[in-house]
Amino acid sequence: MSGPRLPGGVVHRLPRDLRAELIGSPTAMHAWRDITPLARNEFICWVEDAKQAATRARRIRRTREELEEGQRRPCCWPGCAHRERTGR
């Protein structure tokens, strides 16, 4: 994988399809680098939790849009069930 290096989350690694969408938007890429690892983890988990390809594609697009709008966490997401309550 070439191009800008983008960090993943606390538990989840950044998937290639989400990475490609972020790289396509300088605003979203800057916001991604600016949010906390826990916030990145929430976005990644939200995308990975999609059951259908169409849902995943929509969530990837919404992640870019929400980051471009200045949101720092996914809207209406209860949070990643994969991390411990201690934040790890």
PDB file of N, CA and C in Angstrom:
ATOM      1  N   MET A   1       0.846  -1.179   0.000  1.00  0.00           N
ATOM      2  CA  MET A   1       0.000   0.000   0.000  1.00  0.00           C
ATOM      3  C   MET A   1       0.890   1.240   0.000  1.00  0.00           C
ATOM      4  N   SER A   2       0.732   2.084  -0.994  1.00  0.00           N
ATOM      5  CA  SER A   2       1.523   3.300  -1.034  1.00  0.00           C
ATOM      6  C   SER A   2       0.630   4.499  -0.761  1.00  0.00           C
ATOM      7  N   GLY A   3       1.265   5.631  -0.621  1.00  0.00           N
ATOM      8  CA  GLY A   3       0.494   6.836  -0.325  1.00  0.00           C
ATOM      9  C   GLY A   3       0.685   7.254   1.113  1.00  0.00           C
ATOM     10  N   PRO A   4      -0.108   8.214   1.552  1.00  0.00           N
ATOM     11  CA  PRO A   4       0.029   8.723   2.912  1.00  0.00           C
ATOM     12  C   PRO A   4      -0.233   7.645   3.959  1.00  0.00           C
ATOM     13  N   ARG A   5       0.515   7.704   5.028  1.00  0.00           N
ATOM     14  CA  ARG A   5       0.311   6.776   6.136  1.00  0.00           C
ATOM     15  C   ARG A   5      -0.814   7.314   7.008  1.00  0.00           C
ATOM     16  N   LEU A   6      -1.798   6.457   7.291  1.00  0.00           N
ATOM     17  CA  LEU A   6      -2.915   6.847   8.141  1.00  0.00           C
ATOM     18  C   LEU A   6      -3.027   5.857   9.292  1.00  0.00           C
ATOM     19  N   PRO A   7      -3.190   6.359  10.501  1.00  0.00           N
ATOM     20  CA  PRO A   7      -3.293   5.468  11.658  1.00  0.00           C
ATOM     21  C   PRO A   7      -4.642   4.774  11.733  1.00  0.00           C
ATOM     22  N   GLY A   8      -4.649   3.627  12.400  1.00  0.00           N
ATOM     23  CA  GLY A   8      -5.886   2.891  12.652  1.00  0.00           C
ATOM     24  C   GLY A   8      -6.451   3.272  14.003  1.00  0.00           C
ATOM     25  N   GLY A   9      -7.227   2.374  14.570  1.00  0.00           N
ATOM     26  CA  GLY A   9      -7.841   2.620  15.868  1.00  0.00           C
ATOM     27  C   GLY A   9      -7.097   1.894  16.973  1.00  0.00           C
ATOM     28  N   VAL A  10      -7.717   1.816  18.119  1.00  0.00           N
ATOM     29  CA  VAL A  10      -7.128   1.159  19.276  1.00  0.00           C
ATOM     30  C   VAL A  10      -7.184  -0.361  19.100  1.00  0.00           C
ATOM     31  N   VAL A  11      -8.297  -0.863  18.635  1.00  0.00           N
ATOM     32  CA  VAL A  11      -8.495  -2.298  18.452  1.00  0.00           C
ATOM     33  C   VAL A  11      -8.466  -2.665  16.975  1.00  0.00           C
ATOM     34  N   HIS A  12      -9.037  -1.828  16.136  1.00  0.00           N
ATOM     35  CA  HIS A  12      -9.209  -2.149  14.717  1.00  0.00           C
ATOM     36  C   HIS A  12      -8.153  -1.483  13.843  1.00  0.00           C
ATOM     37  N   ARG A  13      -7.728  -2.236  12.820  1.00  0.00           N
ATOM     38  CA  ARG A  13      -6.830  -1.683  11.804  1.00  0.00           C
ATOM     39  C   ARG A  13      -7.667  -0.973  10.751  1.00  0.00           C
ATOM     40  N   LEU A  14      -7.080   0.018  10.118  1.00  0.00           N
ATOM     41  CA  LEU A  14      -7.768   0.785   9.082  1.00  0.00           C
ATOM     42  C   LEU A  14      -7.938  -0.077   7.828  1.00  0.00           C
ATOM     43  N   PRO A  15      -9.182  -0.378   7.420  1.00  0.00           N
ATOM     44  CA  PRO A  15      -9.386  -1.177   6.216  1.00  0.00           C
ATOM     45  C   PRO A  15      -9.018  -0.407   4.942  1.00  0.00           C
ATOM     46  N   ARG A  16      -8.624  -1.141   3.928  1.00  0.00           N
ATOM     47  CA  ARG A  16      -8.162  -0.518   2.681  1.00  0.00           C
ATOM     48  C   ARG A  16      -9.221   0.359   2.015  1.00  0.00           C
ATOM     49  N   ASP A  17     -10.469  -0.104   2.015  1.00  0.00           N
ATOM     50  CA  ASP A  17     -11.511   0.668   1.338  1.00  0.00           C
ATOM     51  C   ASP A  17     -11.790   1.995   2.056  1.00  0.00           C
ATOM     52  N   LEU A  18     -11.752   1.984   3.373  1.00  0.00           N
ATOM     53  CA  LEU A  18     -11.935   3.228   4.130  1.00  0.00           C
ATOM     54  C   LEU A  18     -10.725   4.131   3.948  1.00  0.00           C
ATOM     55  N   ARG A  19      -9.544   3.555   3.950  1.00  0.00           N
ATOM     56  CA  ARG A  19      -8.319   4.325   3.743  1.00  0.00           C
ATOM     57  C   ARG A  19      -8.363   5.040   2.390  1.00  0.00           C
ATOM     58  N   ALA A  20      -8.771   4.324   1.351  1.00  0.00           N
ATOM     59  CA  ALA A  20      -8.841   4.917   0.008  1.00  0.00           C
ATOM     60  C   ALA A  20      -9.810   6.099  -0.022  1.00  0.00           C
ATOM     61  N   GLU A  21     -10.931   5.973   0.660  1.00  0.00           N
ATOM     62  CA  GLU A  21     -11.916   7.065   0.707  1.00  0.00           C
ATOM     63  C   GLU A  21     -11.340   8.282   1.434  1.00  0.00           C
ATOM     64  N   LEU A  22     -10.619   8.051   2.522  1.00  0.00           N
ATOM     65  CA  LEU A  22     -10.030   9.155   3.284  1.00  0.00           C
ATOM     66  C   LEU A  22      -8.934   9.857   2.487  1.00  0.00           C
ATOM     67  N   ILE A  23      -8.126   9.081   1.790  1.00  0.00           N
ATOM     68  CA  ILE A  23      -7.049   9.664   0.986  1.00  0.00           C
ATOM     69  C   ILE A  23      -7.610  10.531  -0.130  1.00  0.00           C
ATOM     70  N   GLY A  24      -8.803  10.210  -0.611  1.00  0.00           N
ATOM     71  CA  GLY A  24      -9.437  10.988  -1.672  1.00  0.00           C
ATOM     72  C   GLY A  24      -9.944  12.352  -1.233  1.00  0.00           C
ATOM     73  N   SER A  25      -9.906  12.619   0.072  1.00  0.00           N
ATOM     74  CA  SER A  25     -10.392  13.901   0.582  1.00  0.00           C
ATOM     75  C   SER A  25      -9.370  14.476   1.565  1.00  0.00           C
ATOM     76  N   PRO A  26      -8.635  15.504   1.165  1.00  0.00           N
ATOM     77  CA  PRO A  26      -7.656  16.099   2.084  1.00  0.00           C
ATOM     78  C   PRO A  26      -8.280  16.557   3.408  1.00  0.00           C
ATOM     79  N   THR A  27      -9.509  17.077   3.363  1.00  0.00           N
ATOM     80  CA  THR A  27     -10.179  17.522   4.590  1.00  0.00           C
ATOM     81  C   THR A  27     -10.447  16.349   5.517  1.00  0.00           C
ATOM     82  N   ALA A  28     -10.990  15.268   4.970  1.00  0.00           N
ATOM     83  CA  ALA A  28     -11.275  14.080   5.781  1.00  0.00           C
ATOM     84  C   ALA A  28      -9.984  13.458   6.301  1.00  0.00           C
ATOM     85  N   MET A  29      -8.944  13.424   5.474  1.00  0.00           N
ATOM     86  CA  MET A  29      -7.669  12.843   5.886  1.00  0.00           C
ATOM     87  C   MET A  29      -7.065  13.639   7.049  1.00  0.00           C
ATOM     88  N   HIS A  30      -7.132  14.946   6.969  1.00  0.00           N
ATOM     89  CA  HIS A  30      -6.621  15.784   8.056  1.00  0.00           C
ATOM     90  C   HIS A  30      -7.432  15.551   9.337  1.00  0.00           C
ATOM     91  N   ALA A  31      -8.750  15.490   9.201  1.00  0.00           N
ATOM     92  CA  ALA A  31      -9.615  15.248  10.365  1.00  0.00           C
ATOM     93  C   ALA A  31      -9.325  13.884  10.969  1.00  0.00           C
ATOM     94  N   TRP A  32      -9.101  12.867  10.136  1.00  0.00           N
ATOM     95  CA  TRP A  32      -8.794  11.508  10.611  1.00  0.00           C
ATOM     96  C   TRP A  32      -7.542  11.518  11.477  1.00  0.00           C
ATOM     97  N   ARG A  33      -6.547  12.241  11.020  1.00  0.00           N
ATOM     98  CA  ARG A  33      -5.295  12.312  11.798  1.00  0.00           C
ATOM     99  C   ARG A  33      -5.479  13.093  13.103  1.00  0.00           C
ATOM    100  N   ASP A  34      -6.460  13.997  13.112  1.00  0.00           N
ATOM    101  CA  ASP A  34      -6.665  14.876  14.258  1.00  0.00           C
ATOM    102  C   ASP A  34      -7.513  14.241  15.371  1.00  0.00           C
ATOM    103  N   ILE A  35      -8.366  13.267  15.029  1.00  0.00           N
ATOM    104  CA  ILE A  35      -9.220  12.658  16.058  1.00  0.00           C
ATOM    105  C   ILE A  35      -8.423  11.636  16.865  1.00  0.00           C
ATOM    106  N   THR A  36      -8.947  11.280  18.014  1.00  0.00           N
ATOM    107  CA  THR A  36      -8.243  10.353  18.905  1.00  0.00           C
ATOM    108  C   THR A  36      -8.259   8.933  18.348  1.00  0.00           C
ATOM    109  N   PRO A  37      -7.348   8.090  18.804  1.00  0.00           N
ATOM    110  CA  PRO A  37      -7.363   6.687  18.389  1.00  0.00           C
ATOM    111  C   PRO A  37      -8.690   5.995  18.728  1.00  0.00           C
ATOM    112  N   LEU A  38      -9.304   6.357  19.860  1.00  0.00           N
ATOM    113  CA  LEU A  38     -10.601   5.772  20.207  1.00  0.00           C
ATOM    114  C   LEU A  38     -11.685   6.203  19.218  1.00  0.00           C
ATOM    115  N   ALA A  39     -11.654   7.449  18.789  1.00  0.00           N
ATOM    116  CA  ALA A  39     -12.630   7.933  17.811  1.00  0.00           C
ATOM    117  C   ALA A  39     -12.421   7.228  16.467  1.00  0.00           C
ATOM    118  N   ARG A  40     -11.149   7.068  16.046  1.00  0.00           N
ATOM    119  CA  ARG A  40     -10.877   6.333  14.804  1.00  0.00           C
ATOM    120  C   ARG A  40     -11.394   4.902  14.927  1.00  0.00           C
ATOM    121  N   ASN A  41     -11.198   4.301  16.086  1.00  0.00           N
ATOM    122  CA  ASN A  41     -11.668   2.944  16.335  1.00  0.00           C
ATOM    123  C   ASN A  41     -13.181   2.853  16.154  1.00  0.00           C
ATOM    124  N   GLU A  42     -13.916   3.849  16.631  1.00  0.00           N
ATOM    125  CA  GLU A  42     -15.373   3.848  16.518  1.00  0.00           C
ATOM    126  C   GLU A  42     -15.802   3.896  15.048  1.00  0.00           C
ATOM    127  N   PHE A  43     -15.170   4.758  14.261  1.00  0.00           N
ATOM    128  CA  PHE A  43     -15.507   4.831  12.840  1.00  0.00           C
ATOM    129  C   PHE A  43     -15.201   3.501  12.146  1.00  0.00           C
ATOM    130  N   ILE A  44     -14.034   2.935  12.416  1.00  0.00           N
ATOM    131  CA  ILE A  44     -13.656   1.668  11.779  1.00  0.00           C
ATOM    132  C   ILE A  44     -14.628   0.567  12.167  1.00  0.00           C
ATOM    133  N   CYS A  45     -14.958   0.449  13.444  1.00  0.00           N
ATOM    134  CA  CYS A  45     -15.867  -0.585  13.907  1.00  0.00           C
ATOM    135  C   CYS A  45     -17.239  -0.417  13.268  1.00  0.00           C
ATOM    136  N   TRP A  46     -17.693   0.809  13.147  1.00  0.00           N
ATOM    137  CA  TRP A  46     -18.988   1.086  12.528  1.00  0.00           C
ATOM    138  C   TRP A  46     -19.004   0.593  11.076  1.00  0.00           C
ATOM    139  N   VAL A  47     -17.929   0.861  10.350  1.00  0.00           N
ATOM    140  CA  VAL A  47     -17.819   0.399   8.963  1.00  0.00           C
ATOM    141  C   VAL A  47     -17.752  -1.131   8.925  1.00  0.00           C
ATOM    142  N   GLU A  48     -16.911  -1.711   9.758  1.00  0.00           N
ATOM    143  CA  GLU A  48     -16.718  -3.168   9.760  1.00  0.00           C
ATOM    144  C   GLU A  48     -17.966  -3.922  10.211  1.00  0.00           C
ATOM    145  N   ASP A  49     -18.830  -3.281  10.955  1.00  0.00           N
ATOM    146  CA  ASP A  49     -20.035  -3.926  11.475  1.00  0.00           C
ATOM    147  C   ASP A  49     -21.130  -4.102  10.413  1.00  0.00           C
ATOM    148  N   ALA A  50     -20.976  -3.463   9.271  1.00  0.00           N
ATOM    149  CA  ALA A  50     -21.987  -3.566   8.204  1.00  0.00           C
ATOM    150  C   ALA A  50     -22.073  -5.013   7.713  1.00  0.00           C
ATOM    151  N   LYS A  51     -23.292  -5.475   7.522  1.00  0.00           N
ATOM    152  CA  LYS A  51     -23.521  -6.851   7.080  1.00  0.00           C
ATOM    153  C   LYS A  51     -23.528  -6.974   5.546  1.00  0.00           C
ATOM    154  N   GLN A  52     -23.934  -5.924   4.859  1.00  0.00           N
ATOM    155  CA  GLN A  52     -24.031  -5.961   3.403  1.00  0.00           C
ATOM    156  C   GLN A  52     -23.035  -4.984   2.782  1.00  0.00           C
ATOM    157  N   ALA A  53     -22.588  -5.310   1.582  1.00  0.00           N
ATOM    158  CA  ALA A  53     -21.620  -4.465   0.877  1.00  0.00           C
ATOM    159  C   ALA A  53     -22.161  -3.055   0.655  1.00  0.00           C
ATOM    160  N   ALA A  54     -23.449  -2.946   0.340  1.00  0.00           N
ATOM    161  CA  ALA A  54     -24.044  -1.620   0.109  1.00  0.00           C
ATOM    162  C   ALA A  54     -24.036  -0.788   1.385  1.00  0.00           C
ATOM    163  N   THR A  55     -24.295  -1.426   2.506  1.00  0.00           N
ATOM    164  CA  THR A  55     -24.274  -0.718   3.791  1.00  0.00           C
ATOM    165  C   THR A  55     -22.857  -0.271   4.116  1.00  0.00           C
ATOM    166  N   ARG A  56     -21.893  -1.142   3.888  1.00  0.00           N
ATOM    167  CA  ARG A  56     -20.495  -0.800   4.146  1.00  0.00           C
ATOM    168  C   ARG A  56     -20.078   0.396   3.282  1.00  0.00           C
ATOM    169  N   ALA A  57     -20.421   0.359   2.005  1.00  0.00           N
ATOM    170  CA  ALA A  57     -20.069   1.466   1.102  1.00  0.00           C
ATOM    171  C   ALA A  57     -20.706   2.768   1.573  1.00  0.00           C
ATOM    172  N   ARG A  58     -21.959   2.701   2.004  1.00  0.00           N
ATOM    173  CA  ARG A  58     -22.655   3.897   2.502  1.00  0.00           C
ATOM    174  C   ARG A  58     -21.977   4.418   3.767  1.00  0.00           C
ATOM    175  N   ARG A  59     -21.570   3.521   4.667  1.00  0.00           N
ATOM    176  CA  ARG A  59     -20.908   3.953   5.904  1.00  0.00           C
ATOM    177  C   ARG A  59     -19.531   4.548   5.636  1.00  0.00           C
ATOM    178  N   ILE A  60     -18.834   4.012   4.664  1.00  0.00           N
ATOM    179  CA  ILE A  60     -17.534   4.584   4.296  1.00  0.00           C
ATOM    180  C   ILE A  60     -17.729   5.997   3.764  1.00  0.00           C
ATOM    181  N   ARG A  61     -18.709   6.167   2.879  1.00  0.00           N
ATOM    182  CA  ARG A  61     -19.004   7.502   2.339  1.00  0.00           C
ATOM    183  C   ARG A  61     -19.406   8.454   3.457  1.00  0.00           C
ATOM    184  N   ARG A  62     -20.265   7.984   4.371  1.00  0.00           N
ATOM    185  CA  ARG A  62     -20.709   8.836   5.484  1.00  0.00           C
ATOM    186  C   ARG A  62     -19.553   9.182   6.415  1.00  0.00           C
ATOM    187  N   THR A  63     -18.623   8.265   6.610  1.00  0.00           N
ATOM    188  CA  THR A  63     -17.453   8.567   7.438  1.00  0.00           C
ATOM    189  C   THR A  63     -16.706   9.752   6.856  1.00  0.00           C
ATOM    190  N   ARG A  64     -16.457   9.705   5.537  1.00  0.00           N
ATOM    191  CA  ARG A  64     -15.775  10.824   4.885  1.00  0.00           C
ATOM    192  C   ARG A  64     -16.569  12.111   5.057  1.00  0.00           C
ATOM    193  N   GLU A  65     -17.867  12.047   4.787  1.00  0.00           N
ATOM    194  CA  GLU A  65     -18.708  13.237   4.891  1.00  0.00           C
ATOM    195  C   GLU A  65     -18.742  13.787   6.311  1.00  0.00           C
ATOM    196  N   GLU A  66     -18.888  12.921   7.290  1.00  0.00           N
ATOM    197  CA  GLU A  66     -18.951  13.376   8.683  1.00  0.00           C
ATOM    198  C   GLU A  66     -17.634  14.009   9.113  1.00  0.00           C
ATOM    199  N   LEU A  67     -16.519  13.419   8.700  1.00  0.00           N
ATOM    200  CA  LEU A  67     -15.221  14.018   9.030  1.00  0.00           C
ATOM    201  C   LEU A  67     -15.066  15.380   8.346  1.00  0.00           C
ATOM    202  N   GLU A  68     -15.514  15.478   7.102  1.00  0.00           N
ATOM    203  CA  GLU A  68     -15.443  16.760   6.386  1.00  0.00           C
ATOM    204  C   GLU A  68     -16.307  17.828   7.059  1.00  0.00           C
ATOM    205  N   GLU A  69     -17.381  17.401   7.712  1.00  0.00           N
ATOM    206  CA  GLU A  69     -18.279  18.331   8.409  1.00  0.00           C
ATOM    207  C   GLU A  69     -17.796  18.657   9.820  1.00  0.00           C
ATOM    208  N   GLY A  70     -16.717  18.019  10.262  1.00  0.00           N
ATOM    209  CA  GLY A  70     -16.161  18.316  11.569  1.00  0.00           C
ATOM    210  C   GLY A  70     -16.601  17.388  12.690  1.00  0.00           C
ATOM    211  N   GLN A  71     -17.378  16.367  12.370  1.00  0.00           N
ATOM    212  CA  GLN A  71     -17.766  15.415  13.414  1.00  0.00           C
ATOM    213  C   GLN A  71     -16.558  14.587  13.826  1.00  0.00           C
ATOM    214  N   ARG A  72     -16.515  14.241  15.105  1.00  0.00           N
ATOM    215  CA  ARG A  72     -15.366  13.530  15.628  1.00  0.00           C
ATOM    216  C   ARG A  72     -15.689  12.088  16.045  1.00  0.00           C
ATOM    217  N   ARG A  73     -16.952  11.713  15.954  1.00  0.00           N
ATOM    218  CA  ARG A  73     -17.406  10.339  16.229  1.00  0.00           C
ATOM    219  C   ARG A  73     -18.523  10.015  15.250  1.00  0.00           C
ATOM    220  N   PRO A  74     -18.741   8.729  14.949  1.00  0.00           N
ATOM    221  CA  PRO A  74     -19.856   8.394  14.055  1.00  0.00           C
ATOM    222  C   PRO A  74     -21.195   8.736  14.694  1.00  0.00           C
ATOM    223  N   CYS A  75     -22.055   9.319  13.903  1.00  0.00           N
ATOM    224  CA  CYS A  75     -23.384   9.691  14.383  1.00  0.00           C
ATOM    225  C   CYS A  75     -24.215   8.441  14.665  1.00  0.00           C
ATOM    226  N   CYS A  76     -24.895   8.455  15.791  1.00  0.00           N
ATOM    227  CA  CYS A  76     -25.878   7.411  16.125  1.00  0.00           C
ATOM    228  C   CYS A  76     -25.267   6.023  16.260  1.00  0.00           C
ATOM    229  N   TRP A  77     -24.053   5.917  16.710  1.00  0.00           N
ATOM    230  CA  TRP A  77     -23.363   4.636  16.906  1.00  0.00           C
ATOM    231  C   TRP A  77     -23.141   4.452  18.406  1.00  0.00           C
ATOM    232  N   PRO A  78     -23.613   3.335  18.970  1.00  0.00           N
ATOM    233  CA  PRO A  78     -23.485   3.138  20.421  1.00  0.00           C
ATOM    234  C   PRO A  78     -22.052   2.914  20.890  1.00  0.00           C
ATOM    235  N   GLY A  79     -21.158   2.633  19.969  1.00  0.00           N
ATOM    236  CA  GLY A  79     -19.760   2.443  20.332  1.00  0.00           C
ATOM    237  C   GLY A  79     -19.281   1.042  20.035  1.00  0.00           C
ATOM    238  N   CYS A  80     -17.995   0.904  19.939  1.00  0.00           N
ATOM    239  CA  CYS A  80     -17.365  -0.373  19.606  1.00  0.00           C
ATOM    240  C   CYS A  80     -17.524  -1.358  20.756  1.00  0.00           C
ATOM    241  N   ALA A  81     -18.077  -2.492  20.454  1.00  0.00           N
ATOM    242  CA  ALA A  81     -18.263  -3.539  21.454  1.00  0.00           C
ATOM    243  C   ALA A  81     -16.985  -4.350  21.654  1.00  0.00           C
ATOM    244  N   HIS A  82     -15.962  -4.102  20.856  1.00  0.00           N
ATOM    245  CA  HIS A  82     -14.737  -4.899  20.894  1.00  0.00           C
ATOM    246  C   HIS A  82     -13.693  -4.386  21.886  1.00  0.00           C
ATOM    247  N   ARG A  83     -13.890  -3.199  22.400  1.00  0.00           N
ATOM    248  CA  ARG A  83     -12.890  -2.673  23.343  1.00  0.00           C
ATOM    249  C   ARG A  83     -13.407  -2.784  24.776  1.00  0.00           C
ATOM    250  N   GLU A  84     -12.481  -2.835  25.691  1.00  0.00           N
ATOM    251  CA  GLU A  84     -12.842  -2.916  27.099  1.00  0.00           C
ATOM    252  C   GLU A  84     -13.306  -1.550  27.577  1.00  0.00           C
ATOM    253  N   ARG A  85     -14.023  -1.520  28.650  1.00  0.00           N
ATOM    254  CA  ARG A  85     -14.519  -0.259  29.202  1.00  0.00           C
ATOM    255  C   ARG A  85     -13.393   0.632  29.721  1.00  0.00           C
ATOM    256  N   THR A  86     -12.188   0.101  29.847  1.00  0.00           N
ATOM    257  CA  THR A  86     -11.054   0.902  30.296  1.00  0.00           C
ATOM    258  C   THR A  86     -10.490   1.760  29.181  1.00  0.00           C
ATOM    259  N   GLY A  87     -11.000   1.542  27.935  1.00  0.00           N
ATOM    260  CA  GLY A  87     -10.501   2.313  26.813  1.00  0.00           C
ATOM    261  C   GLY A  87      -9.470   1.575  25.989  1.00  0.00           C
ATOM    262  N   ARG A  88      -9.209   0.330  26.315  1.00  0.00           N
ATOM    263  CA  ARG A  88      -8.219  -0.456  25.547  1.00  0.00           C
ATOM    264  C   ARG A  88      -8.929  -1.386  24.604  1.00  0.00           C
TER     265      ARG A  88
END
